Amino acid sequence: MRLKACLVLGASLVVASLCEPVLGATPPNQPAQGPGGIGDRSVSIVKRALGRPSAATFVFHAAGAAPAEGRPVVVFLHAWGSPNPLPYGAWIDHLARAGYLVVFPRFQEINRTRPADATGNAEKLVKAALADLETDPDAKPDLKRVALIGHLAGAPIAANLAADAGEAGLPVPRLVFAIMPGGIASDAKSRGVVLRDLSKIDPETLVITVIGDRDARAADLAARRLLREASTVAPERKLFIRALSDDHGFPSLTATLTSPGAVDTAYDGGAIKLPPEPPKDPKQPPAPFKWSADMSLTGEQTTLLAQLNNSRADSLDYLAYWKTFDLAAAAAFGGDPTSLKANPRFSDMERWSDGWPVKRLAVETPRPARVAAPVAPVPASVAPPKPKPARRP
C-alpha cells in the first residue's frame, strides 16, 4: 500500500509540474536614462502641424522654451505608404524627450504621389518648416546639429536630402541614419526612389546604415549601395550595422524590416489639427493630375504597412535603433565619429533576465571601393610589333 501511495503521489507531482507555466527569460527593459532611455516622463510634448493638409509637416518637441543654443533637429522620413507618424510614435516620443526638435514631413499623398517626386516634396516641406520654426522660441532649431533618419523608402530620400542640401538651401546634416533601406529604383524609368548624386554628401557627414537579419537581402544590397555611392565620405565615417534576432527568451526579438516601428497612439497624425487649405482662385483652373501605376501600393508594401502599424516597442528599438542613433548623433554633433565602432556600448544589447547576453549588433566599416590600376600608355617612339605573315596552305 505504501508503494502504491508513493507512486500515486509521484504521478500527481509530475502532472502538477506539467500544468505549471514555464517562465522563460524576458528581454532587457528600456534604460531609465541615457542613450535609448526613458528620460523625463513628466515633460509634455508639443505636437503640431505646419503647411496644409495636402503638404503637411508634423513637428514635435518638449514643451517650454528651447535652450539658448537651440534644439538639435531630427528630420524623420517615413516608409512608403506611411505618412502618419503613428507607427513611429514611441521613437519620436523618445527623441522629443531627449531634447530634439523632430520634423516629420508628409512627403507622400497615398495614390497621388510618385516615388520619383518624393525627394523634391520632402525638400520643399523641410525647408518651409525650418523657415517657419526659425523665429519660434520654443522650437528654435539649431541648424548646425541636424540628423536625418530614414526608414525603408525614407532611407534613400534621407541620402538624397543630404546630397542636395547645398543646392536645395537645406542645412547640411551631420548624420544620415538609414534604417532598413529599400525602395530604390534601379534606373530613372523604374519604380522607386531615384538616387541623386550621393558623392555630393558632405565629407564630414557620418553615414550609418542599419539592417536586420530577417528579410535581409534587399536591405543589405540597398544599405551597401548607399554607403558605396557616398564616395566622398571617408570609410571611417561610415558604418554598416546588422541587428540580430534572438529567441533565447520570450517574447523573442525579431529584426524584420518593420521592427523599427513602435506604435504610440498619442502620435496619431489624424488627431493633430492641420491648417486649412488656402482658398482657391475660381479663375485659376486646377493643376492637371495624371495618375500612374507607381502611385499605388504594391501587395508587398501593403503587407509591410500592416506589420508596421502593429509594431510595438521592444528591446530592439531601445538598444539596436534608439540607443545606436543617440550615440551616433552625439558623436556626429561634437564627438569623434570614428570611435563609435570601438565603443563596446555601441553594439551591446545587454542581457536577458536570466543573465544570458542578447546577441550583439554586428558593426563593420565598409571596405573602400576598388579602383582599377591605370594602364600605362605606350610611348610613341616604340613601334608596335609587325604582325607575322600568314602561312599559305
Protein backbone atom coordinates (compact mmCIF):
# COMPACT_ATOMS: atom_id res chain seq x y z
CA MET A 1 0.00 0.00 0.00
CA ARG A 2 2.82 2.37 0.88
CA LEU A 3 4.47 1.78 -2.52
CA LYS A 4 1.18 2.37 -4.31
CA ALA A 5 0.63 5.63 -2.40
CA CYS A 6 4.16 6.80 -3.30
CA LEU A 7 3.55 6.05 -6.97
CA VAL A 8 0.25 7.95 -6.95
CA LEU A 9 1.87 10.93 -5.18
CA GLY A 10 4.77 10.92 -7.65
CA ALA A 11 2.40 10.85 -10.63
CA SER A 12 0.41 13.72 -9.13
CA LEU A 13 3.55 15.83 -8.74
CA VAL A 14 4.54 15.17 -12.35
CA VAL A 15 1.09 16.20 -13.63
CA ALA A 16 1.13 19.30 -11.43
CA SER A 17 4.55 20.31 -12.75
CA LEU A 18 3.34 19.93 -16.34
CA CYS A 19 0.37 22.20 -15.63
CA GLU A 20 2.52 24.99 -14.19
CA PRO A 21 3.51 27.73 -16.67
CA VAL A 22 7.11 27.67 -17.82
CA LEU A 23 8.65 31.04 -17.08
CA GLY A 24 11.23 31.89 -19.74
CA ALA A 25 13.77 34.66 -19.69
CA THR A 26 12.44 38.11 -20.55
CA PRO A 27 14.27 40.63 -22.74
CA PRO A 28 16.03 43.66 -21.26
CA ASN A 29 13.92 46.67 -20.36
CA GLN A 30 14.37 50.16 -21.67
CA PRO A 31 17.19 52.00 -19.86
CA ALA A 32 15.96 54.58 -17.39
CA GLN A 33 18.29 57.31 -18.63
CA GLY A 34 20.93 57.96 -21.26
CA PRO A 35 21.06 56.70 -24.86
CA GLY A 36 17.88 54.79 -25.67
CA GLY A 37 16.49 55.63 -22.23
CA ILE A 38 13.07 56.61 -20.92
CA GLY A 39 14.07 60.10 -19.89
CA ASP A 40 11.81 62.54 -18.05
CA ARG A 41 8.24 61.26 -18.37
CA SER A 42 6.85 64.36 -16.68
CA VAL A 43 7.69 66.51 -19.70
CA SER A 44 4.77 67.21 -22.02
CA ILE A 45 5.35 67.05 -25.76
CA VAL A 46 4.14 69.69 -28.20
CA LYS A 47 2.52 68.15 -31.30
CA ARG A 48 1.53 70.39 -34.19
CA ALA A 49 1.40 70.59 -37.97
CA LEU A 50 2.66 73.16 -40.46
CA GLY A 51 1.68 73.70 -44.07
CA ARG A 52 -1.65 72.41 -45.33
CA PRO A 53 -3.41 69.02 -45.45
CA SER A 54 -2.05 68.10 -48.89
CA ALA A 55 1.51 69.15 -47.95
CA ALA A 56 1.89 68.96 -44.18
CA THR A 57 4.85 68.66 -41.84
CA PHE A 58 4.39 67.42 -38.28
CA VAL A 59 6.58 68.97 -35.59
CA PHE A 60 7.31 67.55 -32.13
CA HIS A 61 9.37 68.91 -29.24
CA ALA A 62 9.32 69.22 -25.46
CA ALA A 63 7.11 71.97 -24.10
CA GLY A 64 8.69 75.20 -22.93
CA ALA A 65 11.41 77.50 -24.18
CA ALA A 66 14.28 75.91 -26.08
CA PRO A 67 17.83 76.03 -24.67
CA ALA A 68 19.92 79.06 -25.53
CA GLU A 69 21.85 77.12 -28.18
CA GLY A 70 18.61 75.81 -29.72
CA ARG A 71 17.35 72.29 -30.21
CA PRO A 72 19.17 69.71 -32.36
CA VAL A 73 16.99 68.73 -35.32
CA VAL A 74 15.92 65.26 -36.44
CA VAL A 75 14.23 65.03 -39.83
CA PHE A 76 12.26 61.77 -39.76
CA LEU A 77 11.47 60.35 -43.22
CA HIS A 78 8.78 57.69 -43.21
CA ALA A 79 8.33 54.46 -45.14
CA TRP A 80 6.40 54.50 -48.40
CA GLY A 81 2.70 54.47 -47.66
CA SER A 82 3.12 55.53 -44.02
CA PRO A 83 2.74 59.34 -43.90
CA ASN A 84 1.19 59.16 -40.43
CA PRO A 85 3.72 59.45 -37.55
CA LEU A 86 1.65 56.96 -35.52
CA PRO A 87 3.79 53.84 -36.28
CA TYR A 88 6.93 55.73 -35.22
CA GLY A 89 5.30 57.43 -32.24
CA ALA A 90 7.32 55.78 -29.47
CA TRP A 91 10.62 56.61 -31.19
CA ILE A 92 9.50 60.21 -31.84
CA ASP A 93 8.45 60.50 -28.20
CA HIS A 94 11.89 59.30 -27.10
CA LEU A 95 13.61 61.82 -29.38
CA ALA A 96 11.44 64.73 -28.22
CA ARG A 97 12.07 63.87 -24.54
CA ALA A 98 15.80 63.69 -25.29
CA GLY A 99 15.67 67.35 -26.38
CA TYR A 100 15.36 67.02 -30.15
CA LEU A 101 13.12 69.03 -32.44
CA VAL A 102 11.55 66.32 -34.63
CA VAL A 103 10.40 67.34 -38.12
CA PHE A 104 8.23 64.74 -39.87
CA PRO A 105 7.48 65.82 -43.49
CA ARG A 106 4.49 64.08 -45.04
CA PHE A 107 6.05 63.92 -48.48
CA GLN A 108 3.52 61.44 -49.90
CA GLU A 109 -0.19 61.56 -50.63
CA ILE A 110 -1.40 57.99 -50.97
CA ASN A 111 -2.33 57.19 -54.59
CA ARG A 112 -1.34 60.71 -55.70
CA THR A 113 2.45 60.88 -55.29
CA ARG A 114 5.05 59.14 -57.43
CA PRO A 115 8.20 57.82 -55.72
CA ALA A 116 10.27 59.84 -58.19
CA ASP A 117 8.72 63.05 -56.79
CA ALA A 118 9.14 62.17 -53.11
CA THR A 119 12.60 63.66 -52.65
CA GLY A 120 11.59 67.01 -54.13
CA ASN A 121 8.45 67.08 -51.97
CA ALA A 122 10.45 66.31 -48.82
CA GLU A 123 13.00 69.02 -49.60
CA LYS A 124 10.30 71.68 -50.03
CA LEU A 125 8.48 70.65 -46.86
CA VAL A 126 11.59 70.56 -44.68
CA LYS A 127 12.84 73.90 -46.00
CA ALA A 128 9.46 75.57 -45.38
CA ALA A 129 9.10 74.05 -41.91
CA LEU A 130 12.56 75.13 -40.75
CA ALA A 131 11.89 78.64 -42.06
CA ASP A 132 8.62 78.78 -40.09
CA LEU A 133 10.30 77.49 -36.93
CA GLU A 134 13.36 79.73 -37.13
CA THR A 135 11.81 82.51 -35.03
CA ASP A 136 9.84 80.22 -32.70
CA PRO A 137 11.48 80.49 -29.22
CA ASP A 138 10.10 77.10 -28.17
CA ALA A 139 11.23 75.21 -31.28
CA LYS A 140 14.44 77.17 -32.11
CA PRO A 141 16.13 74.71 -34.49
CA ASP A 142 19.92 74.54 -34.29
CA LEU A 143 20.80 74.16 -37.96
CA LYS A 144 24.37 73.18 -37.14
CA ARG A 145 23.11 70.00 -35.47
CA VAL A 146 20.85 68.26 -37.97
CA ALA A 147 20.38 64.50 -38.37
CA LEU A 148 18.28 62.58 -40.89
CA ILE A 149 16.52 59.31 -40.05
CA GLY A 150 15.03 57.36 -42.96
CA HIS A 151 13.13 54.06 -42.80
CA LEU A 152 12.64 51.80 -45.84
CA ALA A 153 11.96 54.19 -48.78
CA GLY A 154 12.66 57.08 -46.40
CA ALA A 155 16.31 55.93 -46.25
CA PRO A 156 17.26 56.78 -49.87
CA ILE A 157 15.24 60.01 -49.53
CA ALA A 158 17.37 60.88 -46.48
CA ALA A 159 20.52 60.24 -48.52
CA ASN A 160 19.15 62.41 -51.33
CA LEU A 161 18.43 65.28 -48.93
CA ALA A 162 21.99 65.07 -47.65
CA ALA A 163 23.34 65.15 -51.21
CA ASP A 164 21.11 68.05 -52.28
CA ALA A 165 21.50 70.11 -49.10
CA GLY A 166 23.70 72.82 -50.64
CA GLU A 167 21.69 73.26 -53.84
CA ALA A 168 18.27 72.99 -52.12
CA GLY A 169 19.08 75.54 -49.42
CA LEU A 170 18.84 72.97 -46.62
CA PRO A 171 21.18 72.70 -43.63
CA VAL A 172 23.98 70.20 -44.14
CA PRO A 173 23.22 67.16 -41.95
CA ARG A 174 25.92 65.85 -39.68
CA LEU A 175 24.35 62.37 -39.57
CA VAL A 176 22.42 60.21 -42.04
CA PHE A 177 20.84 57.23 -40.25
CA ALA A 178 19.34 54.93 -42.92
CA ILE A 179 17.46 52.05 -41.31
CA MET A 180 16.21 49.04 -43.31
CA PRO A 181 16.76 50.95 -46.59
CA GLY A 182 14.65 49.96 -49.59
CA GLY A 183 12.53 51.24 -52.43
CA ILE A 184 15.48 52.36 -54.56
CA ALA A 185 14.83 52.48 -58.30
CA SER A 186 17.26 50.55 -60.46
CA ASP A 187 17.16 53.36 -63.03
CA ALA A 188 15.22 56.56 -63.82
CA LYS A 189 12.43 54.63 -65.58
CA SER A 190 11.94 52.04 -62.82
CA ARG A 191 9.52 52.18 -59.92
CA GLY A 192 11.07 53.56 -56.74
CA VAL A 193 13.15 56.42 -55.39
CA VAL A 194 15.85 57.53 -57.81
CA LEU A 195 19.13 58.22 -56.04
CA ARG A 196 20.74 61.61 -56.55
CA ASP A 197 24.49 62.04 -56.85
CA LEU A 198 25.47 60.83 -53.38
CA SER A 199 29.07 61.84 -53.97
CA LYS A 200 27.82 65.35 -53.09
CA ILE A 201 27.22 64.34 -49.47
CA ASP A 202 29.47 66.47 -47.29
CA PRO A 203 32.67 64.57 -46.38
CA GLU A 204 32.19 65.45 -42.70
CA THR A 205 28.86 63.60 -42.56
CA LEU A 206 28.54 60.40 -40.56
CA VAL A 207 26.64 57.83 -42.67
CA ILE A 208 25.17 54.78 -40.93
CA THR A 209 23.01 52.06 -42.41
CA VAL A 210 21.13 49.56 -40.24
CA ILE A 211 19.53 46.31 -41.37
CA GLY A 212 18.09 43.24 -39.65
CA ASP A 213 18.86 39.58 -40.23
CA ARG A 214 15.29 38.76 -41.34
CA ASP A 215 14.26 39.64 -44.91
CA ALA A 216 17.78 40.98 -45.10
CA ARG A 217 18.96 40.53 -48.69
CA ALA A 218 17.24 43.55 -50.26
CA ALA A 219 18.08 45.80 -47.33
CA ASP A 220 21.68 44.56 -47.36
CA LEU A 221 22.13 45.44 -51.03
CA ALA A 222 20.47 48.83 -50.62
CA ALA A 223 22.49 49.66 -47.50
CA ARG A 224 25.79 48.84 -49.13
CA ARG A 225 24.81 50.81 -52.23
CA LEU A 226 24.12 53.93 -50.17
CA LEU A 227 27.46 53.60 -48.41
CA ARG A 228 29.30 52.92 -51.65
CA GLU A 229 27.82 55.85 -53.57
CA ALA A 230 28.54 58.31 -50.74
CA SER A 231 32.05 58.17 -52.16
CA THR A 232 33.41 61.46 -50.76
CA VAL A 233 32.75 60.33 -47.19
CA ALA A 234 35.79 58.53 -45.77
CA PRO A 235 35.33 54.84 -44.84
CA GLU A 236 36.00 55.58 -41.17
CA ARG A 237 32.91 57.84 -41.16
CA LYS A 238 30.67 55.05 -42.46
CA LEU A 239 29.17 52.13 -40.55
CA PHE A 240 27.14 49.12 -41.62
CA ILE A 241 25.13 47.64 -38.74
CA ARG A 242 23.20 44.37 -38.65
CA ALA A 243 20.70 43.74 -35.85
CA LEU A 244 20.43 40.03 -34.99
CA SER A 245 17.24 38.22 -33.99
CA ASP A 246 17.33 36.35 -30.67
CA ASP A 247 14.82 33.76 -29.42
CA HIS A 248 16.59 32.84 -26.19
CA GLY A 249 13.57 34.02 -24.16
CA PHE A 250 10.03 35.29 -24.54
CA PRO A 251 8.97 37.41 -26.27
CA SER A 252 11.65 36.80 -28.83
CA LEU A 253 13.43 39.63 -30.63
CA THR A 254 12.92 39.56 -34.41
CA ALA A 255 14.86 42.01 -36.58
CA THR A 256 12.48 42.39 -39.53
CA LEU A 257 12.09 45.25 -41.99
CA THR A 258 9.29 46.73 -39.87
CA SER A 259 10.90 46.17 -36.46
CA PRO A 260 11.85 49.89 -36.16
CA GLY A 261 8.13 50.62 -35.93
CA ALA A 262 6.89 51.43 -32.43
CA VAL A 263 3.24 52.50 -32.35
CA ASP A 264 2.15 55.20 -29.91
CA THR A 265 -1.44 56.34 -30.33
CA ALA A 266 -0.58 59.74 -28.84
CA TYR A 267 1.21 60.48 -32.11
CA ASP A 268 -1.64 59.75 -34.48
CA GLY A 269 -1.47 62.40 -37.19
CA GLY A 270 -5.24 62.25 -37.57
CA ALA A 271 -5.60 63.83 -34.12
CA ILE A 272 -3.24 66.73 -34.88
CA LYS A 273 -5.07 69.74 -36.27
CA LEU A 274 -3.90 70.71 -39.74
CA PRO A 275 -4.06 74.22 -41.15
CA PRO A 276 -6.83 74.56 -43.76
CA GLU A 277 -6.13 74.51 -47.45
CA PRO A 278 -5.71 78.04 -48.86
CA PRO A 279 -8.76 79.34 -50.72
CA LYS A 280 -8.76 78.51 -54.41
CA ASP A 281 -8.94 81.18 -57.05
CA PRO A 282 -12.12 80.44 -59.05
CA LYS A 283 -10.48 81.92 -62.13
CA GLN A 284 -7.46 79.64 -61.81
CA PRO A 285 -8.05 76.14 -63.22
CA PRO A 286 -6.87 73.25 -61.01
CA ALA A 287 -3.48 71.80 -61.75
CA PRO A 288 -3.68 68.81 -64.09
CA PHE A 289 -3.33 65.45 -62.41
CA LYS A 290 -2.11 62.36 -64.19
CA TRP A 291 -2.30 59.06 -62.37
CA SER A 292 0.40 56.43 -62.81
CA ALA A 293 0.66 52.88 -61.51
CA ASP A 294 3.61 53.60 -59.22
CA MET A 295 1.42 55.89 -57.10
CA SER A 296 -0.45 52.89 -55.73
CA LEU A 297 0.93 50.46 -53.17
CA THR A 298 2.05 47.00 -54.19
CA GLY A 299 0.91 43.90 -52.34
CA GLU A 300 4.28 43.64 -50.60
CA GLN A 301 4.08 47.27 -49.49
CA THR A 302 0.57 46.72 -48.12
CA THR A 303 1.83 43.75 -46.10
CA LEU A 304 4.74 45.76 -44.73
CA LEU A 305 2.41 48.60 -43.73
CA ALA A 306 0.14 46.18 -41.86
CA GLN A 307 3.14 44.85 -39.97
CA LEU A 308 4.45 48.36 -39.30
CA ASN A 309 1.11 49.52 -37.91
CA ASN A 310 1.11 46.58 -35.48
CA SER A 311 4.69 47.03 -34.26
CA ARG A 312 5.34 47.73 -30.60
CA ALA A 313 8.49 48.98 -28.94
CA ASP A 314 10.82 46.27 -27.63
CA SER A 315 14.49 45.78 -26.80
CA LEU A 316 15.48 46.04 -30.46
CA ASP A 317 14.02 49.55 -30.51
CA TYR A 318 15.57 50.65 -27.23
CA LEU A 319 19.04 49.20 -27.80
CA ALA A 320 19.57 48.47 -31.51
CA TYR A 321 17.89 51.54 -33.02
CA TRP A 322 17.26 54.32 -30.47
CA LYS A 323 20.46 53.90 -28.45
CA THR A 324 22.54 53.49 -31.60
CA PHE A 325 21.14 56.69 -33.07
CA ASP A 326 21.62 58.60 -29.81
CA LEU A 327 25.28 57.62 -29.56
CA ALA A 328 25.86 58.31 -33.27
CA ALA A 329 24.22 61.75 -33.06
CA ALA A 330 26.31 62.69 -30.02
CA ALA A 331 29.46 61.66 -31.89
CA ALA A 332 28.42 63.44 -35.09
CA PHE A 333 27.46 66.69 -33.34
CA GLY A 334 30.50 67.11 -31.16
CA GLY A 335 32.40 63.92 -30.53
CA ASP A 336 34.60 61.59 -32.53
CA PRO A 337 32.52 59.65 -35.10
CA THR A 338 35.47 57.40 -35.92
CA SER A 339 35.47 55.98 -32.37
CA LEU A 340 31.93 54.54 -32.46
CA LYS A 341 32.90 51.11 -33.74
CA ALA A 342 35.44 50.66 -30.95
CA ASN A 343 32.93 51.68 -28.28
CA PRO A 344 31.71 48.41 -26.67
CA ARG A 345 28.49 50.12 -25.55
CA PHE A 346 27.59 50.88 -29.16
CA SER A 347 27.00 47.23 -30.11
CA ASP A 348 25.97 45.93 -26.67
CA MET A 349 22.39 44.64 -26.38
CA GLU A 350 22.52 43.92 -22.61
CA ARG A 351 21.17 40.67 -21.11
CA TRP A 352 18.07 38.55 -20.81
CA SER A 353 16.57 38.36 -17.32
CA ASP A 354 18.45 35.10 -16.65
CA GLY A 355 21.79 36.78 -17.32
CA TRP A 356 22.31 35.39 -20.83
CA PRO A 357 23.66 38.09 -23.19
CA VAL A 358 21.41 39.24 -26.04
CA LYS A 359 23.10 38.86 -29.42
CA ARG A 360 25.27 41.91 -30.03
CA LEU A 361 24.96 44.13 -33.08
CA ALA A 362 27.29 43.29 -35.93
CA VAL A 363 29.14 46.52 -36.77
CA GLU A 364 31.53 46.87 -39.67
CA THR A 365 33.26 49.57 -41.64
CA PRO A 366 32.56 49.11 -45.36
CA ARG A 367 35.57 48.40 -47.50
CA PRO A 368 36.60 51.21 -49.83
CA ALA A 369 35.68 50.68 -53.46
CA ARG A 370 38.45 49.17 -55.54
CA VAL A 371 39.97 51.47 -58.10
CA ALA A 372 41.32 49.86 -61.24
CA ALA A 373 45.03 50.42 -61.77
CA PRO A 374 45.72 52.88 -64.60
CA VAL A 375 47.08 51.37 -67.81
CA ALA A 376 50.50 52.75 -68.66
CA PRO A 377 50.49 54.49 -72.06
CA VAL A 378 52.69 53.06 -74.80
CA PRO A 379 55.46 55.52 -75.78
CA ALA A 380 55.06 56.89 -79.27
CA SER A 381 58.67 56.02 -80.08
CA VAL A 382 58.00 52.35 -79.56
CA ALA A 383 56.59 50.92 -82.73
CA PRO A 384 54.04 48.12 -82.35
CA PRO A 385 55.31 44.70 -83.43
CA LYS A 386 54.62 43.82 -87.04
CA PRO A 387 52.12 41.01 -87.48
CA LYS A 388 53.61 37.81 -88.78
CA PRO A 389 52.58 36.93 -92.36
CA ALA A 390 50.04 34.17 -92.54
CA ARG A 391 51.33 30.91 -93.94
CA ARG A 392 49.82 29.73 -97.16
CA PRO A 393 48.30 26.30 -97.04
